[in-house]
Amino acid sequence: DPIVAKDMLVFLLDILDKINIEMNVLNAKNNREFIEKRYNQAKEDLVKSEDSLKSFQLIYGIAPDMQIKASAQAVFSLEAELKAEEVKLDVIKNILSNNEPEVKLQESKVNSLRTKISEVQTSTDLTDFLRLGNSPQIAQTYLRLVRDVEIQTKILSFMVPIYEQAKIEEKRETPTVIILDQPNIAERKSKPKRLT
């Protein structure tokens, strides 16, 4: 019956389209769930990285790399001052005898500067702003923590648009079967071929 054949074809096309849409929605849902897990993991990793950096900064200061730089500059200026005082001591020694009070005063200045430079270079006291004792390890750890925070931030900023796109894809129900010729009632029978 041509009418039943047309109705069957329309029904099959509708079912095929529904199955394709359901499969696409299911795939989109699975994709969204996976991306959502990764997005949540990225958020947790970012929070952990930020907390680690915060804990480190509470111990070693807000910017240990800047503190180390300032400490190094202070040591350089102290060493320059030490050299100037040593030259002054040599000049005074050439002019005056070693027992003169001015010579003794200049020697104590030079010794005091040497002691201060040594203290700054070997200090590991966390309350001392000018410390260089274990500065390479502190700077390296700080830079690693900052890098981890930057990486996690970039991962999260990359995941947000993908996650939003996956949520949109999950809700989309666009038709997947394009019908080129609409089914219609046959004008002639295809079988049996009576003429043959």
N, C-alpha and C. Protein backbone atom coordinates (compact mmCIF):
# COMPACT_ATOMS: atom_id res chain seq x y z
N ASP A 1 0.85 -1.18 0.00
CA ASP A 1 0.00 0.00 0.00
C ASP A 1 0.90 1.24 0.00
N PRO A 2 0.77 2.11 -0.99
CA PRO A 2 1.64 3.29 -1.09
C PRO A 2 1.51 4.24 0.11
N ILE A 3 0.32 4.39 0.67
CA ILE A 3 0.12 5.30 1.80
C ILE A 3 0.83 4.76 3.03
N VAL A 4 0.69 3.46 3.28
CA VAL A 4 1.37 2.83 4.43
C VAL A 4 2.89 2.93 4.25
N ALA A 5 3.39 2.73 3.01
CA ALA A 5 4.82 2.82 2.75
C ALA A 5 5.33 4.23 3.05
N LYS A 6 4.56 5.26 2.66
CA LYS A 6 4.96 6.64 2.95
C LYS A 6 4.98 6.88 4.45
N ASP A 7 3.92 6.43 5.14
CA ASP A 7 3.85 6.62 6.60
C ASP A 7 4.99 5.90 7.31
N MET A 8 5.34 4.70 6.82
CA MET A 8 6.46 3.96 7.41
C MET A 8 7.77 4.72 7.22
N LEU A 9 7.96 5.28 6.06
CA LEU A 9 9.18 6.04 5.79
C LEU A 9 9.27 7.29 6.67
N VAL A 10 8.16 8.01 6.81
CA VAL A 10 8.13 9.18 7.69
C VAL A 10 8.44 8.76 9.12
N PHE A 11 7.83 7.67 9.58
CA PHE A 11 8.07 7.17 10.94
C PHE A 11 9.54 6.79 11.14
N LEU A 12 10.13 6.08 10.18
CA LEU A 12 11.53 5.66 10.29
C LEU A 12 12.48 6.87 10.31
N LEU A 13 12.18 7.87 9.48
CA LEU A 13 13.01 9.08 9.49
C LEU A 13 12.93 9.80 10.84
N ASP A 14 11.72 9.89 11.40
CA ASP A 14 11.56 10.52 12.72
C ASP A 14 12.32 9.76 13.80
N ILE A 15 12.19 8.44 13.78
CA ILE A 15 12.89 7.62 14.78
C ILE A 15 14.41 7.76 14.62
N LEU A 16 14.89 7.72 13.38
CA LEU A 16 16.33 7.87 13.14
C LEU A 16 16.83 9.21 13.65
N ASP A 17 16.06 10.26 13.41
CA ASP A 17 16.45 11.59 13.88
C ASP A 17 16.46 11.64 15.42
N LYS A 18 15.43 11.06 16.05
CA LYS A 18 15.38 11.06 17.51
C LYS A 18 16.55 10.28 18.11
N ILE A 19 16.87 9.14 17.51
CA ILE A 19 17.99 8.33 18.02
C ILE A 19 19.31 9.09 17.87
N ASN A 20 19.49 9.72 16.71
CA ASN A 20 20.72 10.51 16.50
C ASN A 20 20.81 11.67 17.51
N ILE A 21 19.69 12.36 17.73
CA ILE A 21 19.69 13.47 18.70
C ILE A 21 20.01 12.94 20.10
N GLU A 22 19.37 11.83 20.48
CA GLU A 22 19.64 11.26 21.80
C GLU A 22 21.10 10.85 21.95
N MET A 23 21.67 10.27 20.90
CA MET A 23 23.09 9.87 20.95
C MET A 23 23.98 11.10 21.07
N ASN A 24 23.68 12.15 20.30
CA ASN A 24 24.47 13.38 20.38
C ASN A 24 24.37 14.02 21.76
N VAL A 25 23.15 14.06 22.32
CA VAL A 25 22.95 14.63 23.65
C VAL A 25 23.70 13.80 24.70
N LEU A 26 23.65 12.48 24.56
CA LEU A 26 24.37 11.61 25.51
C LEU A 26 25.88 11.83 25.41
N ASN A 27 26.39 11.91 24.19
CA ASN A 27 27.82 12.19 24.03
C ASN A 27 28.19 13.55 24.61
N ALA A 28 27.34 14.55 24.35
CA ALA A 28 27.60 15.89 24.88
C ALA A 28 27.54 15.89 26.41
N LYS A 29 26.60 15.11 26.96
CA LYS A 29 26.49 15.03 28.42
C LYS A 29 27.75 14.38 29.00
N ASN A 30 28.20 13.28 28.41
CA ASN A 30 29.42 12.62 28.89
C ASN A 30 30.62 13.56 28.77
N ASN A 31 30.70 14.28 27.67
CA ASN A 31 31.78 15.24 27.47
C ASN A 31 31.73 16.35 28.52
N ARG A 32 30.52 16.86 28.76
CA ARG A 32 30.35 17.92 29.76
C ARG A 32 30.73 17.43 31.16
N GLU A 33 30.34 16.22 31.50
CA GLU A 33 30.68 15.67 32.82
C GLU A 33 32.19 15.53 32.98
N PHE A 34 32.86 15.06 31.93
CA PHE A 34 34.32 14.94 31.99
C PHE A 34 34.97 16.31 32.15
N ILE A 35 34.53 17.27 31.34
CA ILE A 35 35.11 18.62 31.41
C ILE A 35 34.78 19.26 32.75
N GLU A 36 33.59 19.00 33.28
CA GLU A 36 33.22 19.54 34.57
C GLU A 36 34.12 19.00 35.68
N LYS A 37 34.43 17.71 35.64
CA LYS A 37 35.36 17.13 36.62
C LYS A 37 36.73 17.79 36.51
N ARG A 38 37.20 17.95 35.29
CA ARG A 38 38.52 18.57 35.08
C ARG A 38 38.51 20.03 35.50
N TYR A 39 37.41 20.72 35.25
CA TYR A 39 37.26 22.12 35.66
C TYR A 39 37.30 22.24 37.19
N ASN A 40 36.55 21.37 37.86
CA ASN A 40 36.55 21.39 39.33
C ASN A 40 37.92 21.05 39.89
N GLN A 41 38.60 20.09 39.25
CA GLN A 41 39.96 19.73 39.68
C GLN A 41 40.91 20.91 39.49
N ALA A 42 40.77 21.63 38.40
CA ALA A 42 41.62 22.80 38.15
C ALA A 42 41.36 23.87 39.20
N LYS A 43 40.10 24.06 39.59
CA LYS A 43 39.79 25.04 40.64
C LYS A 43 40.42 24.62 41.97
N GLU A 44 40.34 23.34 42.30
CA GLU A 44 40.94 22.85 43.54
C GLU A 44 42.46 23.01 43.51
N ASP A 45 43.07 22.68 42.37
CA ASP A 45 44.52 22.82 42.25
C ASP A 45 44.95 24.28 42.39
N LEU A 46 44.16 25.19 41.83
CA LEU A 46 44.48 26.61 41.94
C LEU A 46 44.40 27.07 43.39
N VAL A 47 43.36 26.62 44.10
CA VAL A 47 43.22 26.99 45.52
C VAL A 47 44.39 26.45 46.33
N LYS A 48 44.79 25.20 46.05
CA LYS A 48 45.94 24.61 46.77
C LYS A 48 47.22 25.39 46.48
N SER A 49 47.43 25.75 45.22
CA SER A 49 48.63 26.51 44.86
C SER A 49 48.63 27.88 45.54
N GLU A 50 47.48 28.53 45.53
CA GLU A 50 47.39 29.85 46.18
C GLU A 50 47.63 29.74 47.69
N ASP A 51 47.07 28.69 48.30
CA ASP A 51 47.28 28.50 49.74
C ASP A 51 48.74 28.21 50.06
N SER A 52 49.40 27.42 49.22
CA SER A 52 50.82 27.13 49.43
C SER A 52 51.64 28.41 49.33
N LEU A 53 51.35 29.23 48.34
CA LEU A 53 52.06 30.50 48.18
C LEU A 53 51.81 31.41 49.37
N LYS A 54 50.58 31.45 49.84
CA LYS A 54 50.23 32.29 50.98
C LYS A 54 50.99 31.83 52.23
N SER A 55 51.02 30.52 52.47
CA SER A 55 51.74 29.98 53.63
C SER A 55 53.22 30.32 53.55
N PHE A 56 53.78 30.17 52.36
CA PHE A 56 55.19 30.48 52.17
C PHE A 56 55.46 31.95 52.43
N GLN A 57 54.57 32.81 51.94
CA GLN A 57 54.75 34.24 52.13
C GLN A 57 54.57 34.65 53.58
N LEU A 58 53.72 33.94 54.32
CA LEU A 58 53.58 34.24 55.74
C LEU A 58 54.87 33.94 56.50
N ILE A 59 55.62 32.94 56.04
CA ILE A 59 56.87 32.57 56.69
C ILE A 59 58.01 33.48 56.24
N TYR A 60 58.17 33.65 54.93
CA TYR A 60 59.35 34.32 54.38
C TYR A 60 59.11 35.75 53.92
N GLY A 61 57.90 36.24 54.01
CA GLY A 61 57.62 37.61 53.57
C GLY A 61 56.83 37.61 52.28
N ILE A 62 56.30 38.77 51.97
CA ILE A 62 55.42 38.91 50.80
C ILE A 62 56.14 38.59 49.51
N ALA A 63 57.33 39.13 49.33
CA ALA A 63 58.09 38.91 48.09
C ALA A 63 59.54 38.60 48.45
N PRO A 64 59.83 37.33 48.76
CA PRO A 64 61.20 36.97 49.15
C PRO A 64 62.24 37.34 48.10
N ASP A 65 61.88 37.27 46.84
CA ASP A 65 62.86 37.62 45.81
C ASP A 65 63.25 39.09 45.90
N MET A 66 62.30 39.96 46.22
CA MET A 66 62.60 41.39 46.39
C MET A 66 63.43 41.62 47.65
N GLN A 67 63.11 40.85 48.71
CA GLN A 67 63.88 40.98 49.95
C GLN A 67 65.33 40.55 49.74
N ILE A 68 65.51 39.48 48.99
CA ILE A 68 66.86 39.00 48.71
C ILE A 68 67.62 40.04 47.88
N LYS A 69 66.94 40.62 46.92
CA LYS A 69 67.57 41.66 46.10
C LYS A 69 67.98 42.86 46.96
N ALA A 70 67.08 43.25 47.87
CA ALA A 70 67.38 44.38 48.76
C ALA A 70 68.53 44.03 49.69
N SER A 71 68.56 42.79 50.17
CA SER A 71 69.65 42.34 51.05
C SER A 71 70.97 42.37 50.30
N ALA A 72 70.96 41.90 49.08
CA ALA A 72 72.19 41.89 48.28
C ALA A 72 72.67 43.32 48.04
N GLN A 73 71.75 44.23 47.75
CA GLN A 73 72.14 45.62 47.55
C GLN A 73 72.70 46.23 48.83
N ALA A 74 72.11 45.84 49.97
CA ALA A 74 72.62 46.34 51.25
C ALA A 74 74.04 45.84 51.49
N VAL A 75 74.28 44.55 51.17
CA VAL A 75 75.62 43.99 51.33
C VAL A 75 76.60 44.70 50.42
N PHE A 76 76.19 44.98 49.20
CA PHE A 76 77.09 45.69 48.27
C PHE A 76 77.44 47.07 48.81
N SER A 77 76.44 47.78 49.32
CA SER A 77 76.73 49.12 49.85
C SER A 77 77.60 49.03 51.11
N LEU A 78 77.37 48.01 51.96
CA LEU A 78 78.22 47.82 53.14
C LEU A 78 79.66 47.50 52.74
N GLU A 79 79.82 46.67 51.71
CA GLU A 79 81.16 46.33 51.25
C GLU A 79 81.86 47.55 50.65
N ALA A 80 81.12 48.39 49.94
CA ALA A 80 81.71 49.62 49.40
C ALA A 80 82.14 50.54 50.55
N GLU A 81 81.29 50.64 51.55
CA GLU A 81 81.64 51.45 52.72
C GLU A 81 82.85 50.87 53.44
N LEU A 82 82.92 49.53 53.53
CA LEU A 82 84.06 48.87 54.17
C LEU A 82 85.35 49.21 53.43
N LYS A 83 85.31 49.13 52.10
CA LYS A 83 86.51 49.45 51.31
C LYS A 83 86.94 50.90 51.55
N ALA A 84 85.99 51.81 51.61
CA ALA A 84 86.32 53.21 51.85
C ALA A 84 86.94 53.40 53.23
N GLU A 85 86.39 52.71 54.22
CA GLU A 85 86.91 52.83 55.59
C GLU A 85 88.30 52.18 55.70
N GLU A 86 88.53 51.09 54.95
CA GLU A 86 89.86 50.46 54.96
C GLU A 86 90.91 51.40 54.36
N VAL A 87 90.55 52.07 53.28
CA VAL A 87 91.47 53.04 52.66
C VAL A 87 91.75 54.16 53.65
N LYS A 88 90.72 54.63 54.32
CA LYS A 88 90.87 55.69 55.31
C LYS A 88 91.78 55.22 56.45
N LEU A 89 91.63 53.96 56.88
CA LEU A 89 92.47 53.39 57.93
C LEU A 89 93.94 53.35 57.50
N ASP A 90 94.17 52.91 56.25
CA ASP A 90 95.54 52.86 55.74
C ASP A 90 96.17 54.26 55.72
N VAL A 91 95.41 55.25 55.32
CA VAL A 91 95.92 56.62 55.27
C VAL A 91 96.25 57.11 56.69
N ILE A 92 95.35 56.83 57.62
CA ILE A 92 95.57 57.27 59.01
C ILE A 92 96.78 56.57 59.61
N LYS A 93 96.95 55.28 59.30
CA LYS A 93 98.10 54.52 59.82
C LYS A 93 99.41 55.08 59.28
N ASN A 94 99.41 55.54 58.04
CA ASN A 94 100.62 56.13 57.46
C ASN A 94 100.96 57.46 58.10
N ILE A 95 99.95 58.17 58.54
CA ILE A 95 100.17 59.49 59.12
C ILE A 95 100.45 59.39 60.63
N LEU A 96 99.64 58.57 61.33
CA LEU A 96 99.74 58.49 62.79
C LEU A 96 100.28 57.12 63.20
N SER A 97 100.64 57.00 64.45
CA SER A 97 101.11 55.70 64.96
C SER A 97 99.90 54.83 65.29
N ASN A 98 100.15 53.53 65.48
CA ASN A 98 99.08 52.56 65.71
C ASN A 98 98.39 52.74 67.06
N ASN A 99 99.00 53.43 67.99
CA ASN A 99 98.42 53.58 69.33
C ASN A 99 97.53 54.81 69.46
N GLU A 100 97.42 55.59 68.45
CA GLU A 100 96.61 56.81 68.50
C GLU A 100 95.12 56.45 68.56
N PRO A 101 94.29 57.26 69.27
CA PRO A 101 92.86 56.97 69.38
C PRO A 101 92.12 57.01 68.04
N GLU A 102 92.54 57.86 67.13
CA GLU A 102 91.89 57.92 65.82
C GLU A 102 92.09 56.62 65.04
N VAL A 103 93.27 56.02 65.13
CA VAL A 103 93.57 54.75 64.47
C VAL A 103 92.71 53.65 65.07
N LYS A 104 92.63 53.63 66.41
CA LYS A 104 91.82 52.61 67.09
C LYS A 104 90.34 52.76 66.72
N LEU A 105 89.86 53.98 66.65
CA LEU A 105 88.47 54.24 66.26
C LEU A 105 88.20 53.75 64.84
N GLN A 106 89.13 54.03 63.92
CA GLN A 106 88.96 53.61 62.53
C GLN A 106 89.01 52.08 62.42
N GLU A 107 89.88 51.43 63.20
CA GLU A 107 89.95 49.96 63.18
C GLU A 107 88.65 49.35 63.70
N SER A 108 88.08 49.96 64.72
CA SER A 108 86.80 49.43 65.23
C SER A 108 85.68 49.61 64.21
N LYS A 109 85.70 50.72 63.47
CA LYS A 109 84.70 50.91 62.40
C LYS A 109 84.83 49.81 61.35
N VAL A 110 86.07 49.53 60.92
CA VAL A 110 86.31 48.51 59.89
C VAL A 110 85.88 47.15 60.41
N ASN A 111 86.22 46.82 61.64
CA ASN A 111 85.83 45.52 62.22
C ASN A 111 84.31 45.41 62.36
N SER A 112 83.68 46.50 62.74
CA SER A 112 82.22 46.51 62.87
C SER A 112 81.55 46.27 61.51
N LEU A 113 82.05 46.91 60.46
CA LEU A 113 81.49 46.69 59.11
C LEU A 113 81.70 45.26 58.65
N ARG A 114 82.87 44.69 58.90
CA ARG A 114 83.13 43.28 58.52
C ARG A 114 82.16 42.35 59.24
N THR A 115 81.94 42.60 60.52
CA THR A 115 81.03 41.76 61.30
C THR A 115 79.60 41.86 60.75
N LYS A 116 79.17 43.07 60.44
CA LYS A 116 77.81 43.25 59.92
C LYS A 116 77.63 42.56 58.57
N ILE A 117 78.61 42.66 57.69
CA ILE A 117 78.53 41.98 56.38
C ILE A 117 78.46 40.48 56.58
N SER A 118 79.26 39.96 57.47
CA SER A 118 79.25 38.53 57.74
C SER A 118 77.90 38.08 58.30
N GLU A 119 77.32 38.88 59.19
CA GLU A 119 76.01 38.55 59.75
C GLU A 119 74.94 38.48 58.67
N VAL A 120 74.94 39.47 57.79
CA VAL A 120 73.93 39.51 56.73
C VAL A 120 74.09 38.31 55.79
N GLN A 121 75.33 37.98 55.45
CA GLN A 121 75.57 36.89 54.49
C GLN A 121 75.25 35.52 55.06
N THR A 122 75.36 35.35 56.35
CA THR A 122 75.13 34.02 56.94
C THR A 122 73.83 33.92 57.71
N SER A 123 73.08 34.99 57.87
CA SER A 123 71.87 34.99 58.68
C SER A 123 70.77 34.17 58.02
N THR A 124 70.12 33.32 58.81
CA THR A 124 68.94 32.58 58.36
C THR A 124 67.75 32.90 59.25
N ASP A 125 67.88 33.90 60.10
CA ASP A 125 66.82 34.31 61.01
C ASP A 125 65.66 34.89 60.21
N LEU A 126 64.46 34.32 60.39
CA LEU A 126 63.30 34.75 59.59
C LEU A 126 62.83 36.15 59.95
N THR A 127 63.15 36.61 61.17
CA THR A 127 62.72 37.96 61.56
C THR A 127 63.67 39.03 61.02
N ASP A 128 64.83 38.61 60.57
CA ASP A 128 65.82 39.56 60.04
C ASP A 128 65.50 39.83 58.57
N PHE A 129 65.19 41.08 58.27
CA PHE A 129 64.85 41.44 56.88
C PHE A 129 66.06 41.27 55.96
N LEU A 130 67.23 41.66 56.46
CA LEU A 130 68.45 41.54 55.65
C LEU A 130 69.11 40.20 55.95
N ARG A 131 68.67 39.16 55.26
CA ARG A 131 69.27 37.84 55.45
C ARG A 131 69.57 37.23 54.08
N LEU A 132 70.70 36.62 53.97
CA LEU A 132 71.08 35.97 52.71
C LEU A 132 71.50 34.52 52.94
N GLY A 133 71.33 34.01 54.15
CA GLY A 133 71.84 32.69 54.51
C GLY A 133 71.41 31.58 53.58
N ASN A 134 70.12 31.37 53.39
CA ASN A 134 69.63 30.31 52.50
C ASN A 134 68.75 30.91 51.41
N SER A 135 69.16 32.06 50.92
CA SER A 135 68.36 32.78 49.95
C SER A 135 68.16 32.06 48.62
N PRO A 136 69.13 31.30 48.08
CA PRO A 136 68.83 30.62 46.81
C PRO A 136 67.67 29.63 46.91
N GLN A 137 67.61 28.88 48.01
CA GLN A 137 66.51 27.93 48.18
C GLN A 137 65.18 28.66 48.35
N ILE A 138 65.21 29.74 49.12
CA ILE A 138 63.98 30.50 49.35
C ILE A 138 63.48 31.09 48.04
N ALA A 139 64.38 31.70 47.28
CA ALA A 139 63.98 32.31 46.00
C ALA A 139 63.47 31.26 45.03
N GLN A 140 64.14 30.12 44.98
CA GLN A 140 63.73 29.06 44.06
C GLN A 140 62.35 28.53 44.43
N THR A 141 62.12 28.29 45.71
CA THR A 141 60.81 27.79 46.15
C THR A 141 59.72 28.82 45.87
N TYR A 142 60.03 30.08 46.14
CA TYR A 142 59.05 31.15 45.88
C TYR A 142 58.69 31.21 44.40
N LEU A 143 59.70 31.18 43.54
CA LEU A 143 59.44 31.25 42.10
C LEU A 143 58.65 30.05 41.61
N ARG A 144 58.92 28.87 42.16
CA ARG A 144 58.14 27.68 41.79
C ARG A 144 56.69 27.83 42.20
N LEU A 145 56.46 28.33 43.41
CA LEU A 145 55.08 28.50 43.87
C LEU A 145 54.34 29.53 43.01
N VAL A 146 55.00 30.61 42.66
CA VAL A 146 54.38 31.62 41.80
C VAL A 146 54.07 31.03 40.44
N ARG A 147 55.01 30.24 39.90
CA ARG A 147 54.79 29.61 38.60
C ARG A 147 53.60 28.64 38.66
N ASP A 148 53.49 27.86 39.76
CA ASP A 148 52.36 26.95 39.89
C ASP A 148 51.03 27.69 39.90
N VAL A 149 50.98 28.81 40.60
CA VAL A 149 49.75 29.61 40.63
C VAL A 149 49.43 30.12 39.23
N GLU A 150 50.43 30.59 38.49
CA GLU A 150 50.19 31.09 37.13
C GLU A 150 49.71 29.97 36.21
N ILE A 151 50.32 28.80 36.32
CA ILE A 151 49.92 27.66 35.48
C ILE A 151 48.48 27.27 35.77
N GLN A 152 48.14 27.14 37.05
CA GLN A 152 46.78 26.75 37.41
C GLN A 152 45.77 27.80 36.98
N THR A 153 46.15 29.07 37.04
CA THR A 153 45.26 30.14 36.58
C THR A 153 45.02 30.02 35.08
N LYS A 154 46.08 29.75 34.32
CA LYS A 154 45.92 29.62 32.87
C LYS A 154 45.09 28.39 32.52
N ILE A 155 45.30 27.29 33.23
CA ILE A 155 44.49 26.08 32.99
C ILE A 155 43.03 26.38 33.25
N LEU A 156 42.75 27.05 34.36
CA LEU A 156 41.36 27.37 34.69
C LEU A 156 40.75 28.32 33.67
N SER A 157 41.50 29.32 33.25
CA SER A 157 40.96 30.26 32.25
C SER A 157 40.75 29.57 30.90
N PHE A 158 41.54 28.53 30.61
CA PHE A 158 41.35 27.76 29.39
C PHE A 158 40.13 26.84 29.51
N MET A 159 39.88 26.32 30.72
CA MET A 159 38.80 25.36 30.92
C MET A 159 37.41 26.02 30.93
N VAL A 160 37.32 27.26 31.37
CA VAL A 160 36.01 27.91 31.51
C VAL A 160 35.25 27.97 30.18
N PRO A 161 35.86 28.46 29.07
CA PRO A 161 35.08 28.48 27.82
C PRO A 161 34.72 27.09 27.31
N ILE A 162 35.64 26.14 27.50
CA ILE A 162 35.35 24.76 27.05
C ILE A 162 34.18 24.20 27.85
N TYR A 163 34.18 24.45 29.14
CA TYR A 163 33.10 23.97 30.00
C TYR A 163 31.76 24.59 29.61
N GLU A 164 31.76 25.90 29.35
CA GLU A 164 30.52 26.57 28.95
C GLU A 164 30.04 26.05 27.60
N GLN A 165 30.96 25.81 26.67
CA GLN A 165 30.59 25.26 25.35
C GLN A 165 29.99 23.87 25.51
N ALA A 166 30.55 23.06 26.41
CA ALA A 166 30.02 21.71 26.63
C ALA A 166 28.61 21.77 27.21
N LYS A 167 28.34 22.74 28.09
CA LYS A 167 26.98 22.87 28.64
C LYS A 167 26.00 23.24 27.53
N ILE A 168 26.42 24.10 26.61
CA ILE A 168 25.56 24.49 25.49
C ILE A 168 25.31 23.30 24.57
N GLU A 169 26.35 22.54 24.27
CA GLU A 169 26.22 21.38 23.39
C GLU A 169 25.27 20.34 23.97
N GLU A 170 25.29 20.22 25.30
CA GLU A 170 24.42 19.23 25.94
C GLU A 170 22.95 19.59 25.76
N LYS A 171 22.62 20.87 25.74
CA LYS A 171 21.23 21.30 25.64
C LYS A 171 20.74 21.40 24.19
N ARG A 172 21.66 21.35 23.26
CA ARG A 172 21.28 21.51 21.86
C ARG A 172 20.60 20.24 21.34
N GLU A 173 19.50 20.43 20.63
CA GLU A 173 18.79 19.30 20.03
C GLU A 173 18.49 19.63 18.58
N THR A 174 19.51 19.88 17.81
CA THR A 174 19.30 20.19 16.40
C THR A 174 19.08 18.91 15.62
N PRO A 175 18.26 18.97 14.60
CA PRO A 175 18.03 17.77 13.80
C PRO A 175 19.33 17.30 13.14
N THR A 176 19.49 15.97 13.09
CA THR A 176 20.72 15.42 12.55
C THR A 176 20.52 14.79 11.17
N VAL A 177 19.28 14.51 10.82
CA VAL A 177 19.00 13.90 9.52
C VAL A 177 18.44 14.98 8.60
N ILE A 178 19.12 15.19 7.49
CA ILE A 178 18.63 16.15 6.51
C ILE A 178 17.91 15.37 5.42
N ILE A 179 16.66 15.68 5.22
CA ILE A 179 15.83 14.96 4.24
C ILE A 179 15.92 15.72 2.92
N LEU A 180 16.51 15.07 1.94
CA LEU A 180 16.66 15.71 0.63
C LEU A 180 15.36 15.68 -0.15
N ASP A 181 14.68 14.53 -0.16
CA ASP A 181 13.37 14.39 -0.83
C ASP A 181 12.36 13.94 0.20
N GLN A 182 11.28 14.72 0.35
CA GLN A 182 10.26 14.34 1.32
C GLN A 182 9.55 13.07 0.83
N PRO A 183 9.20 12.19 1.77
CA PRO A 183 8.48 10.99 1.35
C PRO A 183 7.09 11.36 0.78
N ASN A 184 6.73 10.70 -0.29
CA ASN A 184 5.41 10.93 -0.87
C ASN A 184 4.85 9.59 -1.37
N ILE A 185 3.61 9.64 -1.72
CA ILE A 185 2.94 8.41 -2.16
C ILE A 185 3.44 8.06 -3.55
N ALA A 186 3.80 6.78 -3.72
CA ALA A 186 4.34 6.33 -5.01
C ALA A 186 3.25 6.39 -6.09
N GLU A 187 3.65 6.83 -7.29
CA GLU A 187 2.71 6.90 -8.40
C GLU A 187 2.59 5.55 -9.10
N ARG A 188 3.70 4.81 -9.12
CA ARG A 188 3.68 3.49 -9.75
C ARG A 188 4.22 2.47 -8.77
N LYS A 189 3.80 1.24 -8.93
CA LYS A 189 4.30 0.17 -8.10
C LYS A 189 5.72 -0.16 -8.57
N SER A 190 6.58 -0.56 -7.58
CA SER A 190 7.91 -0.98 -7.98
C SER A 190 7.95 -2.50 -8.14
N LYS A 191 7.11 -3.22 -7.43
CA LYS A 191 7.06 -4.69 -7.53
C LYS A 191 5.63 -5.13 -7.40
N PRO A 192 5.25 -6.24 -7.88
CA PRO A 192 5.93 -7.12 -8.83
C PRO A 192 5.96 -6.50 -10.22
N LYS A 193 6.98 -6.83 -10.97
CA LYS A 193 7.17 -6.28 -12.33
C LYS A 193 6.40 -7.19 -13.30
N ARG A 194 5.18 -6.83 -13.56
CA ARG A 194 4.31 -7.67 -14.36
C ARG A 194 4.65 -7.63 -15.85
N LEU A 195 5.15 -6.51 -16.29
CA LEU A 195 5.48 -6.39 -17.71
C LEU A 195 6.60 -7.37 -18.07
N THR A 196 7.59 -7.48 -17.15
CA THR A 196 8.68 -8.41 -17.41
C THR A 196 8.15 -9.82 -17.41
